[in-house]
Protein backbone atom coordinates (compact mmCIF):
# COMPACT_ATOMS: atom_id res chain seq x y z
CA MET A 1 0.00 0.00 0.00
CA LYS A 2 1.56 3.28 -1.17
CA LEU A 3 1.35 5.95 1.49
CA LEU A 4 -0.01 9.29 0.34
CA GLU A 5 1.17 12.69 1.56
CA SER A 6 -1.75 12.90 3.99
CA GLY A 7 -0.76 9.57 5.51
CA GLU A 8 2.80 10.79 5.96
CA MET A 9 1.45 13.89 7.70
CA TYR A 10 -0.57 11.75 10.11
CA LEU A 11 2.46 9.59 10.90
CA GLU A 12 4.59 12.68 11.48
CA THR A 13 1.91 14.10 13.79
CA ILE A 14 1.72 10.87 15.79
CA LEU A 15 5.51 10.94 16.15
CA ILE A 16 5.50 14.57 17.33
CA LEU A 17 2.64 14.00 19.78
CA SER A 18 4.29 10.81 21.07
CA GLY A 19 7.17 12.95 22.24
CA THR A 20 4.88 15.11 24.37
CA LYS A 21 2.27 12.62 25.65
CA ASP A 22 2.27 9.17 27.20
CA GLY A 23 -0.55 8.07 24.93
CA VAL A 24 -1.73 9.66 21.70
CA HIS A 25 -5.47 9.55 21.01
CA ALA A 26 -7.41 10.36 17.84
CA ILE A 27 -8.74 13.57 19.43
CA ASP A 28 -5.14 14.74 20.02
CA ILE A 29 -4.39 14.26 16.34
CA ALA A 30 -7.61 16.02 15.31
CA GLU A 31 -6.81 19.02 17.51
CA TYR A 32 -3.17 19.21 16.40
CA MET A 33 -3.97 18.99 12.69
CA GLY A 34 -7.23 20.95 12.79
CA PHE A 35 -9.22 18.06 11.30
CA SER A 36 -12.54 16.56 12.34
CA LYS A 37 -12.56 13.43 14.49
CA PRO A 38 -14.34 11.42 11.73
CA SER A 39 -11.62 12.41 9.21
CA VAL A 40 -8.92 11.32 11.64
CA SER A 41 -10.74 8.05 12.34
CA ARG A 42 -10.88 7.24 8.61
CA ALA A 43 -7.21 8.05 8.17
CA LEU A 44 -6.23 5.97 11.20
CA SER A 45 -8.22 3.06 9.88
CA ASN A 46 -6.23 3.22 6.63
CA LEU A 47 -2.94 3.54 8.52
CA LYS A 48 -3.77 0.54 10.72
CA GLU A 49 -4.78 -1.47 7.65
CA GLY A 50 -1.47 -0.57 6.01
CA GLY A 51 0.50 -1.68 9.05
CA TYR A 52 1.76 1.80 9.95
CA CYS A 53 0.18 2.09 13.40
CA VAL A 54 -1.69 0.12 16.03
CA VAL A 55 -4.24 1.08 18.66
CA ASP A 56 -4.04 -0.57 22.07
CA GLU A 57 -6.81 -1.41 24.54
CA LEU A 58 -6.64 2.15 25.98
CA ASP A 59 -7.07 3.64 22.49
CA HIS A 60 -3.45 4.82 22.50
CA ILE A 61 -2.12 5.11 18.96
CA ARG A 62 1.40 3.79 18.45
CA LEU A 63 3.55 3.68 15.35
CA THR A 64 4.79 0.35 14.06
CA GLU A 65 8.45 0.03 13.06
CA THR A 66 7.46 0.82 9.48
CA GLY A 67 5.31 3.78 10.52
CA ARG A 68 8.02 5.15 12.81
CA ALA A 69 10.67 4.91 10.07
CA ILE A 70 8.48 6.90 7.68
CA ALA A 71 7.52 9.44 10.35
CA GLU A 72 11.14 9.99 11.36
CA LYS A 73 12.18 10.41 7.72
CA ILE A 74 9.48 13.01 7.08
CA TYR A 75 10.18 14.82 10.36
CA GLU A 76 13.91 14.98 9.61
CA ARG A 77 13.15 16.41 6.18
CA HIS A 78 10.81 18.99 7.68
CA GLN A 79 13.36 20.11 10.28
CA LEU A 80 16.28 20.35 7.85
CA LEU A 81 14.35 22.00 5.04
CA THR A 82 12.90 24.55 7.45
CA GLN A 83 16.41 25.40 8.65
CA VAL A 84 17.68 25.74 5.07
CA LEU A 85 14.85 28.10 4.17
CA LEU A 86 15.37 30.15 7.34
CA HIS A 87 19.08 30.37 6.50
CA LEU A 88 18.14 31.70 3.06
CA GLY A 89 16.14 34.49 4.70
CA VAL A 90 12.62 33.09 4.46
CA ASP A 91 10.46 34.09 7.42
CA GLU A 92 9.67 31.39 9.98
CA GLU A 93 6.01 30.89 9.05
CA ASN A 94 6.68 30.52 5.33
CA ALA A 95 9.78 28.41 5.90
CA ALA A 96 7.80 25.88 7.96
CA ALA A 97 4.85 25.86 5.53
CA ASP A 98 7.05 25.47 2.46
CA ALA A 99 9.20 22.79 4.10
CA CYS A 100 5.99 20.88 4.80
CA LYS A 101 5.13 20.93 1.10
CA ILE A 102 8.61 20.02 -0.09
CA GLU A 103 9.26 17.22 2.42
CA HIS A 104 6.73 14.91 0.76
CA ASP A 105 7.86 15.36 -2.84
CA ILE A 106 11.62 15.69 -2.72
CA SER A 107 13.54 12.59 -3.82
CA ASP A 108 15.79 10.74 -1.42
CA ALA A 109 18.78 11.54 -3.64
CA THR A 110 18.09 15.28 -3.65
CA PHE A 111 17.40 15.41 0.08
CA ASP A 112 20.60 13.47 0.80
CA ALA A 113 22.57 15.91 -1.39
CA ILE A 114 21.10 18.89 0.49
CA LYS A 115 21.86 17.20 3.81
CA ARG A 116 25.49 16.51 2.80
CA HIS A 117 25.87 20.11 1.61
CA ILE A 118 24.48 21.54 4.86
CA GLN A 119 26.69 19.28 6.96
CA GLY A 120 29.70 20.48 4.98
CA ILE A 121 29.05 24.14 5.80
């Protein structure tokens, strides 16, 4: 099952929220992303079906190994691309918004080249 951009965004959100809460619930995701609870429930159903997350008996949402790997990859891209754009003089709000758009479409090869370049500075 190919994960769409929206799925990547959900995984990234679960990862971020996992760092601030003991247990992530669907309502936490809905509030963080500004989506309705039914929309989040549908997305979570697809993510569970794809093997990207699980929900335990307390309704805590947890990433699987596969889901965590994708979430960490997207989050790293977001962080680095935001920093690059800030370094270029883009204001913080636009840098974060544009990084969010780029992080899903940029190829691994291009991102790795940017990362190597930044590390060399």
